[in-house]
Amino acid sequence: MTIESLARGLDYPAVNDFLAAVGSGDISSARIVGKILQGEHAALEEMPALSVPSQPTTEGVNVTGLRGMLTTMARCCKPVPGDQIVGYVTRGRGATIHRTDCSNILRVGDKERLVRVSWGHAARTYPVAVRVTAYDREGLLRDVSTVVGEEHINMNSVVSTLKAHQATIDLILEVTDLGQLSRVLNRIEALPNVVEARRVRA
């Protein structure tokens, strides 16, 4: 696969835009590798269960001093309302919104391209990866699902593994903000046999 076909396959018509997106963290290395493998194994029509959900819009983000600028959420750190965030001005593609503790932002050399941003009204939900570890028991997954449902949270993906009587449940939850995420994690952690329920950070 050539770099031109790779860029096109990842929805970047121009190679320069693709390279700029890689450098700014707009596109993750995992996604690039996935696209290459997809090209080499054309028979695989579906991504794994924990593939990254579709990128959310940024209707609820205000960019200080840059009214009307196009903004997109960074796929590398997937910020949600309540996170401390910062904008990174990309070449020709507006500003990408990152968490302030994102490793890609911490490595940025050109600090002049960083802009202040803040959360406005959260008009939609945001996908968040969550991991639950627990001692396996009957009804564990059902109880976790019940808690999530009672909080009116949608589950995009559920993958459960068991090793030496310890269960690991990886979830993709659609939450409105950090408050809702914190509440559901606390409730899951209070379930019998659950050791930990936490957000999986990039």
C-alpha atoms as a PDB file:
ATOM      1  CA  MET A   1       0.000   0.000   0.000  1.00  0.00           C
ATOM      2  CA  THR A   2       1.400   3.400  -1.029  1.00  0.00           C
ATOM      3  CA  ILE A   3       1.223   6.466   1.202  1.00  0.00           C
ATOM      4  CA  GLU A   4      -1.170   8.051  -1.322  1.00  0.00           C
ATOM      5  CA  SER A   5      -3.605   5.111  -1.143  1.00  0.00           C
ATOM      6  CA  LEU A   6      -3.253   5.002   2.650  1.00  0.00           C
ATOM      7  CA  ALA A   7      -4.110   8.714   2.882  1.00  0.00           C
ATOM      8  CA  ARG A   8      -7.133   8.269   0.605  1.00  0.00           C
ATOM      9  CA  GLY A   9      -8.267   5.233   2.576  1.00  0.00           C
ATOM     10  CA  LEU A  10      -8.259   7.344   5.741  1.00  0.00           C
ATOM     11  CA  ASP A  11     -10.290  10.153   4.079  1.00  0.00           C
ATOM     12  CA  TYR A  12      -7.363  12.504   3.420  1.00  0.00           C
ATOM     13  CA  PRO A  13      -7.347  13.339  -0.334  1.00  0.00           C
ATOM     14  CA  ALA A  14      -4.015  15.186  -0.027  1.00  0.00           C
ATOM     15  CA  VAL A  15      -0.905  13.444   1.351  1.00  0.00           C
ATOM     16  CA  ASN A  16       0.239  16.665   3.070  1.00  0.00           C
ATOM     17  CA  ASP A  17      -3.043  16.860   5.019  1.00  0.00           C
ATOM     18  CA  PHE A  18      -2.609  13.222   6.054  1.00  0.00           C
ATOM     19  CA  LEU A  19       0.965  13.807   7.256  1.00  0.00           C
ATOM     20  CA  ALA A  20      -0.125  16.923   9.166  1.00  0.00           C
ATOM     21  CA  ALA A  21      -2.906  14.913  10.838  1.00  0.00           C
ATOM     22  CA  VAL A  22      -0.414  12.222  11.897  1.00  0.00           C
ATOM     23  CA  GLY A  23       1.962  14.833  13.319  1.00  0.00           C
ATOM     24  CA  SER A  24      -0.759  16.633  15.277  1.00  0.00           C
ATOM     25  CA  GLY A  25      -2.279  13.465  16.720  1.00  0.00           C
ATOM     26  CA  ASP A  26      -5.566  13.793  14.796  1.00  0.00           C
ATOM     27  CA  ILE A  27      -5.128  10.212  13.643  1.00  0.00           C
ATOM     28  CA  SER A  28      -3.789   7.417  15.831  1.00  0.00           C
ATOM     29  CA  SER A  29      -1.054   4.970  14.880  1.00  0.00           C
ATOM     30  CA  ALA A  30      -3.468   2.147  15.699  1.00  0.00           C
ATOM     31  CA  ARG A  31      -5.857   3.393  13.018  1.00  0.00           C
ATOM     32  CA  ILE A  32      -3.064   3.643  10.452  1.00  0.00           C
ATOM     33  CA  VAL A  33      -1.868   0.103  11.217  1.00  0.00           C
ATOM     34  CA  GLY A  34      -5.454  -1.114  11.055  1.00  0.00           C
ATOM     35  CA  LYS A  35      -5.937   0.394   7.605  1.00  0.00           C
ATOM     36  CA  ILE A  36      -2.681  -1.159   6.345  1.00  0.00           C
ATOM     37  CA  LEU A  37      -3.673  -4.567   7.683  1.00  0.00           C
ATOM     38  CA  GLN A  38      -7.117  -4.123   6.199  1.00  0.00           C
ATOM     39  CA  GLY A  39      -5.546  -3.553   2.801  1.00  0.00           C
ATOM     40  CA  GLU A  40      -3.362  -6.646   3.147  1.00  0.00           C
ATOM     41  CA  HIS A  41      -6.233  -8.792   4.384  1.00  0.00           C
ATOM     42  CA  ALA A  42      -9.102  -7.615   2.212  1.00  0.00           C
ATOM     43  CA  ALA A  43     -11.168 -10.588   3.287  1.00  0.00           C
ATOM     44  CA  LEU A  44     -11.588  -9.109   6.760  1.00  0.00           C
ATOM     45  CA  GLU A  45     -14.700  -7.009   6.376  1.00  0.00           C
ATOM     46  CA  GLU A  46     -15.229  -5.993   9.987  1.00  0.00           C
ATOM     47  CA  MET A  47     -13.027  -4.310  12.585  1.00  0.00           C
ATOM     48  CA  PRO A  48     -12.560  -5.908  16.056  1.00  0.00           C
ATOM     49  CA  ALA A  49     -15.224  -5.428  18.715  1.00  0.00           C
ATOM     50  CA  LEU A  50     -13.296  -2.635  20.434  1.00  0.00           C
ATOM     51  CA  SER A  51     -12.637  -0.543  17.329  1.00  0.00           C
ATOM     52  CA  VAL A  52     -12.787   3.220  17.967  1.00  0.00           C
ATOM     53  CA  PRO A  53     -16.354   4.550  17.661  1.00  0.00           C
ATOM     54  CA  SER A  54     -17.206   7.298  15.219  1.00  0.00           C
ATOM     55  CA  GLN A  55     -15.663  10.639  16.080  1.00  0.00           C
ATOM     56  CA  PRO A  56     -18.056  12.979  17.913  1.00  0.00           C
ATOM     57  CA  THR A  57     -18.872  16.458  16.723  1.00  0.00           C
ATOM     58  CA  THR A  58     -17.813  19.467  18.782  1.00  0.00           C
ATOM     59  CA  GLU A  59     -21.067  21.384  18.962  1.00  0.00           C
ATOM     60  CA  GLY A  60     -20.474  21.941  22.683  1.00  0.00           C
ATOM     61  CA  VAL A  61     -16.967  23.463  22.430  1.00  0.00           C
ATOM     62  CA  ASN A  62     -16.202  27.189  22.431  1.00  0.00           C
ATOM     63  CA  VAL A  63     -12.868  28.253  20.915  1.00  0.00           C
ATOM     64  CA  THR A  64     -11.698  31.473  22.592  1.00  0.00           C
ATOM     65  CA  GLY A  65     -11.044  34.261  20.107  1.00  0.00           C
ATOM     66  CA  LEU A  66     -11.666  32.045  17.058  1.00  0.00           C
ATOM     67  CA  ARG A  67     -15.407  32.230  16.588  1.00  0.00           C
ATOM     68  CA  GLY A  68     -16.706  30.002  13.822  1.00  0.00           C
ATOM     69  CA  MET A  69     -13.525  27.928  13.485  1.00  0.00           C
ATOM     70  CA  LEU A  70     -14.033  24.321  12.446  1.00  0.00           C
ATOM     71  CA  THR A  71     -13.280  22.021  15.392  1.00  0.00           C
ATOM     72  CA  THR A  72     -12.922  18.242  15.663  1.00  0.00           C
ATOM     73  CA  MET A  73     -12.336  15.949  18.623  1.00  0.00           C
ATOM     74  CA  ALA A  74      -8.904  14.284  18.804  1.00  0.00           C
ATOM     75  CA  ARG A  75      -9.103  10.529  18.400  1.00  0.00           C
ATOM     76  CA  CYS A  76      -5.959   9.973  20.465  1.00  0.00           C
ATOM     77  CA  CYS A  77      -7.341  11.148  23.839  1.00  0.00           C
ATOM     78  CA  LYS A  78     -11.115  11.370  23.188  1.00  0.00           C
ATOM     79  CA  PRO A  79     -12.029  14.266  25.537  1.00  0.00           C
ATOM     80  CA  VAL A  80     -15.467  14.468  27.148  1.00  0.00           C
ATOM     81  CA  PRO A  81     -17.177  17.451  28.818  1.00  0.00           C
ATOM     82  CA  GLY A  82     -15.531  18.085  32.184  1.00  0.00           C
ATOM     83  CA  ASP A  83     -12.019  17.246  30.961  1.00  0.00           C
ATOM     84  CA  GLN A  84      -9.511  20.100  30.834  1.00  0.00           C
ATOM     85  CA  ILE A  85      -9.085  20.749  27.116  1.00  0.00           C
ATOM     86  CA  VAL A  86      -6.946  22.720  24.671  1.00  0.00           C
ATOM     87  CA  GLY A  87      -7.208  23.347  20.925  1.00  0.00           C
ATOM     88  CA  TYR A  88      -4.450  22.641  18.425  1.00  0.00           C
ATOM     89  CA  VAL A  89      -4.683  24.605  15.165  1.00  0.00           C
ATOM     90  CA  THR A  90      -4.071  22.233  12.259  1.00  0.00           C
ATOM     91  CA  ARG A  91      -3.089  23.151   8.721  1.00  0.00           C
ATOM     92  CA  GLY A  92      -6.269  23.830   6.786  1.00  0.00           C
ATOM     93  CA  ARG A  93      -8.499  21.757   9.077  1.00  0.00           C
ATOM     94  CA  GLY A  94      -9.395  24.137  11.899  1.00  0.00           C
ATOM     95  CA  ALA A  95      -8.674  23.239  15.523  1.00  0.00           C
ATOM     96  CA  THR A  96      -8.432  19.746  17.028  1.00  0.00           C
ATOM     97  CA  ILE A  97      -9.626  19.468  20.631  1.00  0.00           C
ATOM     98  CA  HIS A  98      -7.351  17.475  22.994  1.00  0.00           C
ATOM     99  CA  ARG A  99      -7.238  16.835  26.725  1.00  0.00           C
ATOM    100  CA  THR A 100      -4.545  18.992  28.303  1.00  0.00           C
ATOM    101  CA  ASP A 101      -2.835  15.838  29.605  1.00  0.00           C
ATOM    102  CA  CYS A 102      -2.777  14.212  26.142  1.00  0.00           C
ATOM    103  CA  SER A 103       0.686  12.868  25.381  1.00  0.00           C
ATOM    104  CA  ASN A 104       0.568  14.346  21.870  1.00  0.00           C
ATOM    105  CA  ILE A 105      -0.157  17.828  23.249  1.00  0.00           C
ATOM    106  CA  LEU A 106       2.583  17.531  25.871  1.00  0.00           C
ATOM    107  CA  ARG A 107       5.055  16.826  23.047  1.00  0.00           C
ATOM    108  CA  VAL A 108       3.986  19.756  20.859  1.00  0.00           C
ATOM    109  CA  GLY A 109       6.946  21.967  20.020  1.00  0.00           C
ATOM    110  CA  ASP A 110       5.052  24.851  18.388  1.00  0.00           C
ATOM    111  CA  LYS A 111       3.118  26.198  21.376  1.00  0.00           C
ATOM    112  CA  GLU A 112       1.805  29.131  19.298  1.00  0.00           C
ATOM    113  CA  ARG A 113      -0.571  26.717  17.580  1.00  0.00           C
ATOM    114  CA  LEU A 114      -2.326  25.932  20.878  1.00  0.00           C
ATOM    115  CA  VAL A 115      -5.539  27.892  21.543  1.00  0.00           C
ATOM    116  CA  ARG A 116      -7.756  28.226  24.607  1.00  0.00           C
ATOM    117  CA  VAL A 117     -11.031  26.343  24.411  1.00  0.00           C
ATOM    118  CA  SER A 118     -13.856  25.649  26.841  1.00  0.00           C
ATOM    119  CA  TRP A 119     -16.887  23.404  27.014  1.00  0.00           C
ATOM    120  CA  GLY A 120     -20.202  24.984  26.176  1.00  0.00           C
ATOM    121  CA  HIS A 121     -23.492  23.135  26.405  1.00  0.00           C
ATOM    122  CA  ALA A 122     -22.948  19.432  25.729  1.00  0.00           C
ATOM    123  CA  ALA A 123     -25.402  18.781  22.901  1.00  0.00           C
ATOM    124  CA  ARG A 124     -24.621  15.071  22.521  1.00  0.00           C
ATOM    125  CA  THR A 125     -22.921  12.048  24.022  1.00  0.00           C
ATOM    126  CA  TYR A 126     -19.242  11.085  23.820  1.00  0.00           C
ATOM    127  CA  PRO A 127     -17.738   7.578  23.598  1.00  0.00           C
ATOM    128  CA  VAL A 128     -15.571   6.605  26.570  1.00  0.00           C
ATOM    129  CA  ALA A 129     -13.634   3.356  27.047  1.00  0.00           C
ATOM    130  CA  VAL A 130     -14.188   1.767  30.476  1.00  0.00           C
ATOM    131  CA  ARG A 131     -12.599  -1.318  32.048  1.00  0.00           C
ATOM    132  CA  VAL A 132     -14.167  -3.288  34.891  1.00  0.00           C
ATOM    133  CA  THR A 133     -12.126  -5.899  36.770  1.00  0.00           C
ATOM    134  CA  ALA A 134     -13.845  -8.288  39.160  1.00  0.00           C
ATOM    135  CA  TYR A 135     -13.790 -11.754  40.657  1.00  0.00           C
ATOM    136  CA  ASP A 136     -16.046 -13.784  38.403  1.00  0.00           C
ATOM    137  CA  ARG A 137     -19.501 -14.696  39.641  1.00  0.00           C
ATOM    138  CA  GLU A 138     -22.879 -15.603  38.200  1.00  0.00           C
ATOM    139  CA  GLY A 139     -24.785 -12.557  36.951  1.00  0.00           C
ATOM    140  CA  LEU A 140     -21.799 -10.172  36.982  1.00  0.00           C
ATOM    141  CA  LEU A 141     -22.218  -8.934  33.408  1.00  0.00           C
ATOM    142  CA  ARG A 142     -25.986  -8.676  33.872  1.00  0.00           C
ATOM    143  CA  ASP A 143     -25.532  -6.501  36.977  1.00  0.00           C
ATOM    144  CA  VAL A 144     -23.053  -4.203  35.204  1.00  0.00           C
ATOM    145  CA  SER A 145     -25.447  -3.849  32.267  1.00  0.00           C
ATOM    146  CA  THR A 146     -28.321  -3.081  34.629  1.00  0.00           C
ATOM    147  CA  VAL A 147     -26.396  -0.238  36.307  1.00  0.00           C
ATOM    148  CA  VAL A 148     -25.459   1.235  32.928  1.00  0.00           C
ATOM    149  CA  GLY A 149     -29.069   1.020  31.768  1.00  0.00           C
ATOM    150  CA  GLU A 150     -30.398   2.673  34.940  1.00  0.00           C
ATOM    151  CA  GLU A 151     -28.083   5.631  34.267  1.00  0.00           C
ATOM    152  CA  HIS A 152     -29.597   5.908  30.755  1.00  0.00           C
ATOM    153  CA  ILE A 153     -26.198   5.286  29.148  1.00  0.00           C
ATOM    154  CA  ASN A 154     -25.833   3.488  25.837  1.00  0.00           C
ATOM    155  CA  MET A 155     -23.218   0.723  25.522  1.00  0.00           C
ATOM    156  CA  ASN A 156     -21.573   0.665  22.082  1.00  0.00           C
ATOM    157  CA  SER A 157     -19.363  -2.343  22.790  1.00  0.00           C
ATOM    158  CA  VAL A 158     -18.898  -5.036  25.437  1.00  0.00           C
ATOM    159  CA  VAL A 159     -15.999  -7.511  25.538  1.00  0.00           C
ATOM    160  CA  SER A 160     -15.629  -9.844  28.523  1.00  0.00           C
ATOM    161  CA  THR A 161     -12.610 -12.076  29.226  1.00  0.00           C
ATOM    162  CA  LEU A 162     -11.933 -14.514  32.066  1.00  0.00           C
ATOM    163  CA  LYS A 163      -8.543 -15.598  33.408  1.00  0.00           C
ATOM    164  CA  ALA A 164      -7.879 -17.453  36.666  1.00  0.00           C
ATOM    165  CA  HIS A 165     -11.355 -16.595  38.018  1.00  0.00           C
ATOM    166  CA  GLN A 166     -10.806 -12.874  37.357  1.00  0.00           C
ATOM    167  CA  ALA A 167     -13.122 -11.221  34.861  1.00  0.00           C
ATOM    168  CA  THR A 168     -12.207  -8.208  32.752  1.00  0.00           C
ATOM    169  CA  ILE A 169     -15.054  -6.337  31.043  1.00  0.00           C
ATOM    170  CA  ASP A 170     -14.190  -3.695  28.447  1.00  0.00           C
ATOM    171  CA  LEU A 171     -17.007  -1.322  27.583  1.00  0.00           C
ATOM    172  CA  ILE A 172     -17.549   1.654  25.285  1.00  0.00           C
ATOM    173  CA  LEU A 173     -20.080   3.917  27.009  1.00  0.00           C
ATOM    174  CA  GLU A 174     -21.807   6.947  25.456  1.00  0.00           C
ATOM    175  CA  VAL A 175     -21.791   9.579  28.242  1.00  0.00           C
ATOM    176  CA  THR A 176     -22.836  13.223  28.314  1.00  0.00           C
ATOM    177  CA  ASP A 177     -20.120  14.451  30.714  1.00  0.00           C
ATOM    178  CA  LEU A 178     -17.639  13.477  33.429  1.00  0.00           C
ATOM    179  CA  GLY A 179     -20.295  13.679  36.134  1.00  0.00           C
ATOM    180  CA  GLN A 180     -22.359  10.961  34.497  1.00  0.00           C
ATOM    181  CA  LEU A 181     -19.245   8.855  33.890  1.00  0.00           C
ATOM    182  CA  SER A 182     -18.087   9.201  37.508  1.00  0.00           C
ATOM    183  CA  ARG A 183     -21.528   8.260  38.807  1.00  0.00           C
ATOM    184  CA  VAL A 184     -21.819   5.085  36.755  1.00  0.00           C
ATOM    185  CA  LEU A 185     -18.237   4.017  37.583  1.00  0.00           C
ATOM    186  CA  ASN A 186     -18.914   4.459  41.303  1.00  0.00           C
ATOM    187  CA  ARG A 187     -22.096   2.389  41.062  1.00  0.00           C
ATOM    188  CA  ILE A 188     -20.353  -0.393  39.117  1.00  0.00           C
ATOM    189  CA  GLU A 189     -17.468  -0.427  41.608  1.00  0.00           C
ATOM    190  CA  ALA A 190     -19.972  -0.891  44.443  1.00  0.00           C
ATOM    191  CA  LEU A 191     -21.293  -4.127  42.919  1.00  0.00           C
ATOM    192  CA  PRO A 192     -20.348  -7.394  44.672  1.00  0.00           C
ATOM    193  CA  ASN A 193     -17.001  -8.889  43.584  1.00  0.00           C
ATOM    194  CA  VAL A 194     -16.022  -5.799  41.524  1.00  0.00           C
ATOM    195  CA  VAL A 195     -12.421  -4.760  42.238  1.00  0.00           C
ATOM    196  CA  GLU A 196     -12.206  -1.677  40.031  1.00  0.00           C
ATOM    197  CA  ALA A 197     -14.177   0.283  37.428  1.00  0.00           C
ATOM    198  CA  ARG A 198     -12.138   2.937  35.621  1.00  0.00           C
ATOM    199  CA  ARG A 199     -11.864   5.015  32.500  1.00  0.00           C
ATOM    200  CA  VAL A 200      -9.249   3.727  30.065  1.00  0.00           C
ATOM    201  CA  ARG A 201      -7.036   6.666  29.119  1.00  0.00           C
ATOM    202  CA  ALA A 202      -4.940   6.791  25.958  1.00  0.00           C
END
